[in-house]
Amino acid sequence: ALIDAMQQQVRIEREGPVTVVTLSRPEVRNAVDTDTARALHAAFLAFDDDPDARVAVFHGDHGHFCAGWDLQAGARM
């Protein structure tokens, strides 16, 4: 279940040599918490390790790039 949630929050799509990484946490304007940061890190390590990947495009879904760190999640830590 956690892996499914992370795959929804950080989506990776390949379009030929282009890797598109999409941040999607609309409920917090794409703010990043610990799990999302780990998923993004893993996504870009996978991109870096793929010899066929040439360009990575990172964007935020739902009209927001990123609101920064998720302060509510940080307060719960």
N, C-alpha and C. Protein backbone atom coordinates (compact mmCIF):
# COMPACT_ATOMS: atom_id res chain seq x y z
N ALA A 1 0.82 -1.20 0.00
CA ALA A 1 0.00 0.00 0.00
C ALA A 1 0.86 1.26 0.00
N LEU A 2 1.93 1.26 0.82
CA LEU A 2 2.81 2.43 0.86
C LEU A 2 3.50 2.63 -0.48
N ILE A 3 3.94 1.53 -1.11
CA ILE A 3 4.59 1.64 -2.41
C ILE A 3 3.61 2.17 -3.44
N ASP A 4 2.36 1.72 -3.41
CA ASP A 4 1.35 2.24 -4.33
C ASP A 4 1.14 3.73 -4.13
N ALA A 5 1.09 4.18 -2.88
CA ALA A 5 0.92 5.60 -2.59
C ALA A 5 2.10 6.40 -3.11
N MET A 6 3.32 5.88 -2.93
CA MET A 6 4.50 6.60 -3.42
C MET A 6 4.51 6.65 -4.94
N GLN A 7 4.04 5.60 -5.60
CA GLN A 7 4.00 5.60 -7.05
C GLN A 7 2.98 6.62 -7.56
N GLN A 8 1.96 6.90 -6.79
CA GLN A 8 0.98 7.92 -7.18
C GLN A 8 1.53 9.31 -6.92
N GLN A 9 2.36 9.48 -5.87
CA GLN A 9 2.90 10.78 -5.53
C GLN A 9 4.10 11.15 -6.39
N VAL A 10 4.86 10.17 -6.82
CA VAL A 10 5.99 10.39 -7.72
C VAL A 10 5.84 9.40 -8.86
N ARG A 11 5.44 9.93 -10.01
CA ARG A 11 5.24 9.07 -11.18
C ARG A 11 6.42 9.23 -12.13
N ILE A 12 6.80 8.13 -12.75
CA ILE A 12 7.90 8.13 -13.71
C ILE A 12 7.37 7.57 -15.02
N GLU A 13 7.57 8.33 -16.09
CA GLU A 13 7.16 7.89 -17.41
C GLU A 13 8.33 8.06 -18.36
N ARG A 14 8.46 7.11 -19.28
CA ARG A 14 9.52 7.19 -20.29
C ARG A 14 8.91 7.51 -21.63
N GLU A 15 9.51 8.47 -22.32
CA GLU A 15 9.13 8.82 -23.69
C GLU A 15 10.42 8.80 -24.50
N GLY A 16 10.79 7.61 -24.98
CA GLY A 16 12.07 7.46 -25.66
C GLY A 16 13.20 7.75 -24.68
N PRO A 17 14.12 8.64 -25.04
CA PRO A 17 15.24 8.94 -24.15
C PRO A 17 14.88 9.94 -23.03
N VAL A 18 13.63 10.38 -23.00
CA VAL A 18 13.19 11.38 -22.02
C VAL A 18 12.47 10.67 -20.87
N THR A 19 12.90 10.98 -19.66
CA THR A 19 12.25 10.49 -18.45
C THR A 19 11.48 11.64 -17.83
N VAL A 20 10.20 11.46 -17.63
CA VAL A 20 9.36 12.50 -17.03
C VAL A 20 9.04 12.06 -15.60
N VAL A 21 9.46 12.88 -14.63
CA VAL A 21 9.20 12.62 -13.22
C VAL A 21 8.16 13.65 -12.77
N THR A 22 7.03 13.16 -12.29
CA THR A 22 5.92 14.03 -11.90
C THR A 22 5.68 13.92 -10.41
N LEU A 23 5.71 15.07 -9.74
CA LEU A 23 5.40 15.16 -8.32
C LEU A 23 3.91 15.46 -8.20
N SER A 24 3.18 14.61 -7.47
CA SER A 24 1.73 14.76 -7.39
C SER A 24 1.24 14.54 -5.97
N ARG A 25 1.21 15.63 -5.21
CA ARG A 25 0.62 15.63 -3.86
C ARG A 25 -0.30 16.85 -3.79
N PRO A 26 -1.40 16.83 -4.54
CA PRO A 26 -2.24 18.03 -4.66
C PRO A 26 -2.81 18.50 -3.33
N GLU A 27 -3.01 17.59 -2.39
CA GLU A 27 -3.61 17.98 -1.12
C GLU A 27 -2.71 18.91 -0.32
N VAL A 28 -1.41 18.96 -0.66
CA VAL A 28 -0.47 19.85 0.04
C VAL A 28 0.34 20.68 -0.96
N ARG A 29 -0.24 20.95 -2.12
CA ARG A 29 0.39 21.75 -3.17
C ARG A 29 1.79 21.26 -3.52
N ASN A 30 1.92 19.93 -3.54
CA ASN A 30 3.15 19.24 -3.91
C ASN A 30 4.29 19.47 -2.92
N ALA A 31 3.97 19.79 -1.68
CA ALA A 31 5.01 19.86 -0.65
C ALA A 31 5.61 18.47 -0.47
N VAL A 32 6.88 18.42 -0.11
CA VAL A 32 7.61 17.17 -0.04
C VAL A 32 7.79 16.74 1.42
N ASP A 33 7.39 15.50 1.71
CA ASP A 33 7.65 14.92 3.03
C ASP A 33 8.77 13.90 2.87
N THR A 34 9.10 13.21 3.95
CA THR A 34 10.22 12.27 3.93
C THR A 34 10.05 11.17 2.90
N ASP A 35 8.87 10.55 2.86
CA ASP A 35 8.65 9.45 1.91
C ASP A 35 8.72 9.94 0.47
N THR A 36 8.19 11.13 0.21
CA THR A 36 8.23 11.68 -1.14
C THR A 36 9.67 12.01 -1.53
N ALA A 37 10.44 12.56 -0.60
CA ALA A 37 11.85 12.86 -0.87
C ALA A 37 12.60 11.58 -1.22
N ARG A 38 12.32 10.52 -0.51
CA ARG A 38 12.97 9.23 -0.80
C ARG A 38 12.57 8.72 -2.19
N ALA A 39 11.29 8.86 -2.52
CA ALA A 39 10.81 8.41 -3.84
C ALA A 39 11.44 9.24 -4.96
N LEU A 40 11.58 10.55 -4.75
CA LEU A 40 12.23 11.40 -5.76
C LEU A 40 13.70 11.02 -5.90
N HIS A 41 14.36 10.79 -4.80
CA HIS A 41 15.77 10.38 -4.82
C HIS A 41 15.92 9.09 -5.61
N ALA A 42 15.07 8.12 -5.34
CA ALA A 42 15.12 6.84 -6.06
C ALA A 42 14.85 7.03 -7.55
N ALA A 43 13.92 7.90 -7.89
CA ALA A 43 13.59 8.15 -9.30
C ALA A 43 14.79 8.71 -10.05
N PHE A 44 15.51 9.64 -9.44
CA PHE A 44 16.65 10.24 -10.13
C PHE A 44 17.88 9.35 -10.11
N LEU A 45 18.02 8.49 -9.11
CA LEU A 45 19.09 7.48 -9.16
C LEU A 45 18.83 6.50 -10.29
N ALA A 46 17.57 6.09 -10.46
CA ALA A 46 17.21 5.18 -11.55
C ALA A 46 17.48 5.84 -12.90
N PHE A 47 17.14 7.12 -13.03
CA PHE A 47 17.43 7.86 -14.26
C PHE A 47 18.93 7.86 -14.53
N ASP A 48 19.71 8.18 -13.52
CA ASP A 48 21.16 8.26 -13.66
C ASP A 48 21.76 6.91 -14.05
N ASP A 49 21.18 5.82 -13.57
CA ASP A 49 21.70 4.48 -13.86
C ASP A 49 21.25 3.92 -15.20
N ASP A 50 20.32 4.59 -15.87
CA ASP A 50 19.78 4.08 -17.14
C ASP A 50 20.59 4.65 -18.31
N PRO A 51 21.36 3.82 -19.00
CA PRO A 51 22.19 4.33 -20.09
C PRO A 51 21.38 4.86 -21.28
N ASP A 52 20.11 4.48 -21.39
CA ASP A 52 19.29 4.96 -22.49
C ASP A 52 18.56 6.26 -22.18
N ALA A 53 18.57 6.66 -20.92
CA ALA A 53 17.89 7.90 -20.52
C ALA A 53 18.84 9.07 -20.76
N ARG A 54 18.37 10.07 -21.48
CA ARG A 54 19.22 11.21 -21.84
C ARG A 54 18.81 12.50 -21.14
N VAL A 55 17.52 12.68 -20.93
CA VAL A 55 16.99 13.93 -20.36
C VAL A 55 15.94 13.59 -19.33
N ALA A 56 16.00 14.29 -18.18
CA ALA A 56 14.94 14.15 -17.19
C ALA A 56 14.19 15.47 -17.10
N VAL A 57 12.88 15.37 -17.11
CA VAL A 57 12.01 16.52 -16.92
C VAL A 57 11.28 16.30 -15.60
N PHE A 58 11.43 17.25 -14.69
CA PHE A 58 10.80 17.15 -13.37
C PHE A 58 9.77 18.26 -13.28
N HIS A 59 8.53 17.86 -12.98
CA HIS A 59 7.50 18.89 -12.86
C HIS A 59 6.47 18.50 -11.81
N GLY A 60 5.72 19.50 -11.39
CA GLY A 60 4.66 19.27 -10.42
C GLY A 60 3.31 19.22 -11.11
N ASP A 61 2.49 18.33 -10.65
CA ASP A 61 1.14 18.15 -11.19
C ASP A 61 0.18 19.13 -10.54
N HIS A 62 -0.97 19.33 -11.13
CA HIS A 62 -2.08 20.11 -10.56
C HIS A 62 -1.77 21.60 -10.42
N GLY A 63 -0.93 22.14 -11.30
CA GLY A 63 -0.69 23.58 -11.32
C GLY A 63 0.31 24.10 -10.32
N HIS A 64 0.99 23.21 -9.58
CA HIS A 64 2.00 23.66 -8.61
C HIS A 64 3.27 22.86 -8.83
N PHE A 65 4.42 23.57 -8.85
CA PHE A 65 5.66 22.82 -8.95
C PHE A 65 5.95 22.16 -7.61
N CYS A 66 6.18 22.96 -6.58
CA CYS A 66 6.45 22.41 -5.25
C CYS A 66 6.31 23.52 -4.23
N ALA A 67 5.62 23.24 -3.16
CA ALA A 67 5.44 24.22 -2.09
C ALA A 67 6.58 24.14 -1.08
N GLY A 68 7.61 23.35 -1.35
CA GLY A 68 8.73 23.20 -0.43
C GLY A 68 8.52 22.00 0.48
N TRP A 69 9.13 22.05 1.64
CA TRP A 69 9.01 20.96 2.60
C TRP A 69 7.63 20.98 3.22
N ASP A 70 7.07 19.81 3.44
CA ASP A 70 5.75 19.67 4.06
C ASP A 70 5.91 19.91 5.56
N LEU A 71 5.63 21.13 6.00
CA LEU A 71 5.84 21.52 7.39
C LEU A 71 4.93 20.75 8.34
N GLN A 72 3.73 20.40 7.89
CA GLN A 72 2.83 19.62 8.76
C GLN A 72 3.41 18.24 9.00
N ALA A 73 3.97 17.62 7.96
CA ALA A 73 4.61 16.30 8.14
C ALA A 73 5.83 16.43 9.03
N GLY A 74 6.59 17.51 8.86
CA GLY A 74 7.77 17.73 9.70
C GLY A 74 7.40 17.91 11.16
N ALA A 75 6.31 18.58 11.43
CA ALA A 75 5.88 18.79 12.80
C ALA A 75 5.47 17.48 13.47
N ARG A 76 5.01 16.51 12.67
CA ARG A 76 4.61 15.21 13.22
C ARG A 76 5.80 14.30 13.50
N MET A 77 6.97 14.66 12.99
CA MET A 77 8.16 13.82 13.18
C MET A 77 8.67 13.87 14.61
